[in-house]
Amino acid sequence: MEDLIILQKAFEMMEYGYTALAQYPKSEKFALVVDIKHCMHKILEKIIEANKKYYKKTTLQELDVEIMKLKAYLRLSYNLKFLPSKKYEIWSGKSVELGRMVGGWIKSTKKRLMILGIGYSGCRYAGAGGTMAPTPAFSTSI
């Protein structure tokens, strides 16, 4: 797992984030700082989960949501003057890079499912007509 580039980028983003968070005002240590740290931890967890799971769709979507939350928190921090513009540019740049990587991961997962004949919604393609039939969740044969 150490060779997973997105995981390395997440670690770099978190390391930078922790140093930036140390400069936030004390009044935010148990509010916005905690929310940002939680968000970064969830990003790391979702990357590890998506890497290990066979069905990645939901986990990748949750990862994408966490990255969007982090971007919103960073924007709020910048607007409230807790984060200088240079640090905001660097940190948000790292989060945008992660977002792009997740977008590519989602796209490649969709392609893989299409090649296997499974729609991204969990349906199997029924032929050249492009109609889709639900994939059975379980087998009725014994």
Foldseek 3Di string as FASTA:
>chain_A
DVPPVLLVLLVVLVVLVVVLLVQFDPVCVPPLVVVLNVLSVLLNVLVVVLVPDPLNLVSLVVNLVSLVVNLVSLVVCVVVVRGDPVSSVVSNVSSVVSNVVSVVVNVVSQVVCVVVQAHNVQWGQPDPVRDTDHDDPDDPDD
